[in-house]
Amino acid sequence: MALEARIRELGSRHQSLKDAIRDEMRRPASDDIRLKELKRQKLRLKEEMEALRGKMH
């Protein structure tokens, strides 16, 4: 159960980052450095979620 809760938490954070990336890209003068960092964070969360899902099976 703890793994499932952690995956849900990471999924929520992943969605928040996805929204932040979308919002940043919509800005007229988007910050490329900020976009790279947001995408890097999103990828780390995705990798962690996949690793945890692997432990569940």
PDB file of N, CA and C in Angstrom:
ATOM      1  N   MET A   1       0.814  -1.199   0.000  1.00  0.00           N
ATOM      2  CA  MET A   1       0.000   0.000   0.000  1.00  0.00           C
ATOM      3  C   MET A   1       0.860   1.266   0.000  1.00  0.00           C
ATOM      4  N   ALA A   2       1.936   1.252   0.740  1.00  0.00           N
ATOM      5  CA  ALA A   2       2.800   2.429   0.815  1.00  0.00           C
ATOM      6  C   ALA A   2       3.364   2.774  -0.563  1.00  0.00           C
ATOM      7  N   LEU A   3       3.689   1.741  -1.341  1.00  0.00           N
ATOM      8  CA  LEU A   3       4.200   1.988  -2.694  1.00  0.00           C
ATOM      9  C   LEU A   3       3.146   2.657  -3.556  1.00  0.00           C
ATOM     10  N   GLU A   4       1.910   2.197  -3.445  1.00  0.00           N
ATOM     11  CA  GLU A   4       0.831   2.783  -4.241  1.00  0.00           C
ATOM     12  C   GLU A   4       0.619   4.246  -3.888  1.00  0.00           C
ATOM     13  N   ALA A   5       0.689   4.565  -2.603  1.00  0.00           N
ATOM     14  CA  ALA A   5       0.529   5.953  -2.161  1.00  0.00           C
ATOM     15  C   ALA A   5       1.673   6.810  -2.694  1.00  0.00           C
ATOM     16  N   ARG A   6       2.873   6.287  -2.656  1.00  0.00           N
ATOM     17  CA  ARG A   6       4.032   7.021  -3.163  1.00  0.00           C
ATOM     18  C   ARG A   6       3.902   7.261  -4.670  1.00  0.00           C
ATOM     19  N   ILE A   7       3.448   6.242  -5.394  1.00  0.00           N
ATOM     20  CA  ILE A   7       3.260   6.385  -6.839  1.00  0.00           C
ATOM     21  C   ILE A   7       2.199   7.443  -7.134  1.00  0.00           C
ATOM     22  N   ARG A   8       1.121   7.453  -6.361  1.00  0.00           N
ATOM     23  CA  ARG A   8       0.076   8.466  -6.553  1.00  0.00           C
ATOM     24  C   ARG A   8       0.633   9.870  -6.281  1.00  0.00           C
ATOM     25  N   GLU A   9       1.419   9.990  -5.221  1.00  0.00           N
ATOM     26  CA  GLU A   9       2.023  11.281  -4.882  1.00  0.00           C
ATOM     27  C   GLU A   9       2.943  11.757  -6.015  1.00  0.00           C
ATOM     28  N   LEU A  10       3.775  10.849  -6.512  1.00  0.00           N
ATOM     29  CA  LEU A  10       4.673  11.187  -7.611  1.00  0.00           C
ATOM     30  C   LEU A  10       3.888  11.545  -8.869  1.00  0.00           C
ATOM     31  N   GLY A  11       2.802  10.821  -9.100  1.00  0.00           N
ATOM     32  CA  GLY A  11       1.951  11.099 -10.258  1.00  0.00           C
ATOM     33  C   GLY A  11       1.350  12.493 -10.186  1.00  0.00           C
ATOM     34  N   SER A  12       0.963  12.895  -8.999  1.00  0.00           N
ATOM     35  CA  SER A  12       0.406  14.229  -8.804  1.00  0.00           C
ATOM     36  C   SER A  12       1.464  15.297  -9.073  1.00  0.00           C
ATOM     37  N   ARG A  13       2.663  15.079  -8.550  1.00  0.00           N
ATOM     38  CA  ARG A  13       3.758  16.016  -8.783  1.00  0.00           C
ATOM     39  C   ARG A  13       4.128  16.051 -10.273  1.00  0.00           C
ATOM     40  N   HIS A  14       4.091  14.887 -10.923  1.00  0.00           N
ATOM     41  CA  HIS A  14       4.384  14.789 -12.351  1.00  0.00           C
ATOM     42  C   HIS A  14       3.389  15.632 -13.145  1.00  0.00           C
ATOM     43  N   GLN A  15       2.108  15.536 -12.794  1.00  0.00           N
ATOM     44  CA  GLN A  15       1.070  16.315 -13.478  1.00  0.00           C
ATOM     45  C   GLN A  15       1.278  17.807 -13.245  1.00  0.00           C
ATOM     46  N   SER A  16       1.662  18.182 -12.032  1.00  0.00           N
ATOM     47  CA  SER A  16       1.921  19.591 -11.740  1.00  0.00           C
ATOM     48  C   SER A  16       3.064  20.127 -12.595  1.00  0.00           C
ATOM     49  N   LEU A  17       4.101  19.320 -12.753  1.00  0.00           N
ATOM     50  CA  LEU A  17       5.219  19.730 -13.592  1.00  0.00           C
ATOM     51  C   LEU A  17       4.793  19.834 -15.053  1.00  0.00           C
ATOM     52  N   LYS A  18       3.967  18.893 -15.485  1.00  0.00           N
ATOM     53  CA  LYS A  18       3.459  18.929 -16.861  1.00  0.00           C
ATOM     54  C   LYS A  18       2.691  20.232 -17.095  1.00  0.00           C
ATOM     55  N   ASP A  19       1.867  20.620 -16.130  1.00  0.00           N
ATOM     56  CA  ASP A  19       1.111  21.868 -16.235  1.00  0.00           C
ATOM     57  C   ASP A  19       2.047  23.075 -16.248  1.00  0.00           C
ATOM     58  N   ALA A  20       3.074  23.045 -15.398  1.00  0.00           N
ATOM     59  CA  ALA A  20       4.033  24.153 -15.338  1.00  0.00           C
ATOM     60  C   ALA A  20       4.790  24.289 -16.660  1.00  0.00           C
ATOM     61  N   ILE A  21       5.140  23.161 -17.253  1.00  0.00           N
ATOM     62  CA  ILE A  21       5.828  23.180 -18.548  1.00  0.00           C
ATOM     63  C   ILE A  21       4.914  23.779 -19.615  1.00  0.00           C
ATOM     64  N   ARG A  22       3.664  23.352 -19.644  1.00  0.00           N
ATOM     65  CA  ARG A  22       2.700  23.879 -20.605  1.00  0.00           C
ATOM     66  C   ARG A  22       2.540  25.394 -20.430  1.00  0.00           C
ATOM     67  N   ASP A  23       2.405  25.826 -19.175  1.00  0.00           N
ATOM     68  CA  ASP A  23       2.238  27.253 -18.900  1.00  0.00           C
ATOM     69  C   ASP A  23       3.466  28.054 -19.328  1.00  0.00           C
ATOM     70  N   GLU A  24       4.643  27.520 -19.045  1.00  0.00           N
ATOM     71  CA  GLU A  24       5.882  28.209 -19.414  1.00  0.00           C
ATOM     72  C   GLU A  24       6.005  28.314 -20.930  1.00  0.00           C
ATOM     73  N   MET A  25       5.626  27.267 -21.639  1.00  0.00           N
ATOM     74  CA  MET A  25       5.727  27.273 -23.097  1.00  0.00           C
ATOM     75  C   MET A  25       4.746  28.266 -23.728  1.00  0.00           C
ATOM     76  N   ARG A  26       3.657  28.552 -23.039  1.00  0.00           N
ATOM     77  CA  ARG A  26       2.656  29.489 -23.556  1.00  0.00           C
ATOM     78  C   ARG A  26       3.078  30.948 -23.374  1.00  0.00           C
ATOM     79  N   ARG A  27       4.040  31.188 -22.482  1.00  0.00           N
ATOM     80  CA  ARG A  27       4.491  32.557 -22.262  1.00  0.00           C
ATOM     81  C   ARG A  27       5.186  33.081 -23.509  1.00  0.00           C
ATOM     82  N   PRO A  28       5.000  34.349 -23.811  1.00  0.00           N
ATOM     83  CA  PRO A  28       5.637  34.926 -25.008  1.00  0.00           C
ATOM     84  C   PRO A  28       7.164  34.804 -24.987  1.00  0.00           C
ATOM     85  N   ALA A  29       7.752  34.987 -23.830  1.00  0.00           N
ATOM     86  CA  ALA A  29       9.217  34.902 -23.719  1.00  0.00           C
ATOM     87  C   ALA A  29       9.555  33.802 -22.717  1.00  0.00           C
ATOM     88  N   SER A  30       9.296  32.561 -23.087  1.00  0.00           N
ATOM     89  CA  SER A  30       9.523  31.457 -22.164  1.00  0.00           C
ATOM     90  C   SER A  30      11.013  31.329 -21.829  1.00  0.00           C
ATOM     91  N   ASP A  31      11.265  30.871 -20.630  1.00  0.00           N
ATOM     92  CA  ASP A  31      12.630  30.726 -20.108  1.00  0.00           C
ATOM     93  C   ASP A  31      13.126  29.316 -20.430  1.00  0.00           C
ATOM     94  N   ASP A  32      14.062  29.219 -21.364  1.00  0.00           N
ATOM     95  CA  ASP A  32      14.570  27.912 -21.795  1.00  0.00           C
ATOM     96  C   ASP A  32      15.230  27.136 -20.658  1.00  0.00           C
ATOM     97  N   ILE A  33      15.930  27.837 -19.794  1.00  0.00           N
ATOM     98  CA  ILE A  33      16.598  27.169 -18.669  1.00  0.00           C
ATOM     99  C   ILE A  33      15.558  26.592 -17.715  1.00  0.00           C
ATOM    100  N   ARG A  34      14.530  27.371 -17.426  1.00  0.00           N
ATOM    101  CA  ARG A  34      13.451  26.879 -16.555  1.00  0.00           C
ATOM    102  C   ARG A  34      12.750  25.681 -17.194  1.00  0.00           C
ATOM    103  N   LEU A  35      12.501  25.761 -18.491  1.00  0.00           N
ATOM    104  CA  LEU A  35      11.862  24.637 -19.181  1.00  0.00           C
ATOM    105  C   LEU A  35      12.699  23.369 -19.083  1.00  0.00           C
ATOM    106  N   LYS A  36      13.999  23.492 -19.300  1.00  0.00           N
ATOM    107  CA  LYS A  36      14.884  22.324 -19.203  1.00  0.00           C
ATOM    108  C   LYS A  36      14.843  21.717 -17.819  1.00  0.00           C
ATOM    109  N   GLU A  37      14.868  22.561 -16.797  1.00  0.00           N
ATOM    110  CA  GLU A  37      14.847  22.067 -15.417  1.00  0.00           C
ATOM    111  C   GLU A  37      13.515  21.391 -15.102  1.00  0.00           C
ATOM    112  N   LEU A  38      12.415  21.986 -15.521  1.00  0.00           N
ATOM    113  CA  LEU A  38      11.101  21.375 -15.290  1.00  0.00           C
ATOM    114  C   LEU A  38      11.014  20.017 -15.984  1.00  0.00           C
ATOM    115  N   LYS A  39      11.499  19.942 -17.208  1.00  0.00           N
ATOM    116  CA  LYS A  39      11.455  18.679 -17.956  1.00  0.00           C
ATOM    117  C   LYS A  39      12.354  17.629 -17.300  1.00  0.00           C
ATOM    118  N   ARG A  40      13.490  18.064 -16.793  1.00  0.00           N
ATOM    119  CA  ARG A  40      14.400  17.134 -16.108  1.00  0.00           C
ATOM    120  C   ARG A  40      13.732  16.570 -14.842  1.00  0.00           C
ATOM    121  N   GLN A  41      13.086  17.447 -14.090  1.00  0.00           N
ATOM    122  CA  GLN A  41      12.385  17.011 -12.876  1.00  0.00           C
ATOM    123  C   GLN A  41      11.257  16.036 -13.226  1.00  0.00           C
ATOM    124  N   LYS A  42      10.520  16.352 -14.275  1.00  0.00           N
ATOM    125  CA  LYS A  42       9.407  15.497 -14.705  1.00  0.00           C
ATOM    126  C   LYS A  42       9.916  14.113 -15.098  1.00  0.00           C
ATOM    127  N   LEU A  43      11.030  14.069 -15.817  1.00  0.00           N
ATOM    128  CA  LEU A  43      11.612  12.796 -16.220  1.00  0.00           C
ATOM    129  C   LEU A  43      12.060  11.987 -15.004  1.00  0.00           C
ATOM    130  N   ARG A  44      12.681  12.656 -14.025  1.00  0.00           N
ATOM    131  CA  ARG A  44      13.102  11.947 -12.806  1.00  0.00           C
ATOM    132  C   ARG A  44      11.908  11.313 -12.094  1.00  0.00           C
ATOM    133  N   LEU A  45      10.815  12.065 -12.010  1.00  0.00           N
ATOM    134  CA  LEU A  45       9.612  11.524 -11.362  1.00  0.00           C
ATOM    135  C   LEU A  45       9.075  10.320 -12.135  1.00  0.00           C
ATOM    136  N   LYS A  46       9.053  10.424 -13.444  1.00  0.00           N
ATOM    137  CA  LYS A  46       8.567   9.316 -14.268  1.00  0.00           C
ATOM    138  C   LYS A  46       9.417   8.066 -14.047  1.00  0.00           C
ATOM    139  N   GLU A  47      10.726   8.253 -14.037  1.00  0.00           N
ATOM    140  CA  GLU A  47      11.624   7.116 -13.825  1.00  0.00           C
ATOM    141  C   GLU A  47      11.413   6.491 -12.449  1.00  0.00           C
ATOM    142  N   GLU A  48      11.210   7.339 -11.431  1.00  0.00           N
ATOM    143  CA  GLU A  48      10.979   6.816 -10.079  1.00  0.00           C
ATOM    144  C   GLU A  48       9.660   6.053 -10.017  1.00  0.00           C
ATOM    145  N   MET A  49       8.623   6.582 -10.666  1.00  0.00           N
ATOM    146  CA  MET A  49       7.333   5.883 -10.679  1.00  0.00           C
ATOM    147  C   MET A  49       7.466   4.521 -11.358  1.00  0.00           C
ATOM    148  N   GLU A  50       8.172   4.473 -12.475  1.00  0.00           N
ATOM    149  CA  GLU A  50       8.351   3.211 -13.196  1.00  0.00           C
ATOM    150  C   GLU A  50       9.128   2.207 -12.352  1.00  0.00           C
ATOM    151  N   ALA A  51      10.133   2.678 -11.634  1.00  0.00           N
ATOM    152  CA  ALA A  51      10.919   1.780 -10.774  1.00  0.00           C
ATOM    153  C   ALA A  51      10.039   1.223  -9.662  1.00  0.00           C
ATOM    154  N   LEU A  52       9.213   2.061  -9.077  1.00  0.00           N
ATOM    155  CA  LEU A  52       8.326   1.601  -8.004  1.00  0.00           C
ATOM    156  C   LEU A  52       7.280   0.629  -8.534  1.00  0.00           C
ATOM    157  N   ARG A  53       6.756   0.897  -9.716  1.00  0.00           N
ATOM    158  CA  ARG A  53       5.779  -0.030 -10.315  1.00  0.00           C
ATOM    159  C   ARG A  53       6.423  -1.388 -10.567  1.00  0.00           C
ATOM    160  N   GLY A  54       7.689  -1.388 -10.947  1.00  0.00           N
ATOM    161  CA  GLY A  54       8.418  -2.639 -11.159  1.00  0.00           C
ATOM    162  C   GLY A  54       8.541  -3.445  -9.881  1.00  0.00           C
ATOM    163  N   LYS A  55       8.653  -2.774  -8.755  1.00  0.00           N
ATOM    164  CA  LYS A  55       8.759  -3.468  -7.461  1.00  0.00           C
ATOM    165  C   LYS A  55       7.431  -4.077  -7.037  1.00  0.00           C
ATOM    166  N   MET A  56       6.327  -3.534  -7.564  1.00  0.00           N
ATOM    167  CA  MET A  56       5.004  -4.035  -7.182  1.00  0.00           C
ATOM    168  C   MET A  56       4.709  -5.372  -7.855  1.00  0.00           C
ATOM    169  N   HIS A  57       5.337  -5.658  -8.994  1.00  0.00           N
ATOM    170  CA  HIS A  57       5.010  -6.870  -9.763  1.00  0.00           C
ATOM    171  C   HIS A  57       6.004  -7.959  -9.509  1.00  0.00           C
TER     172      HIS A  57
END
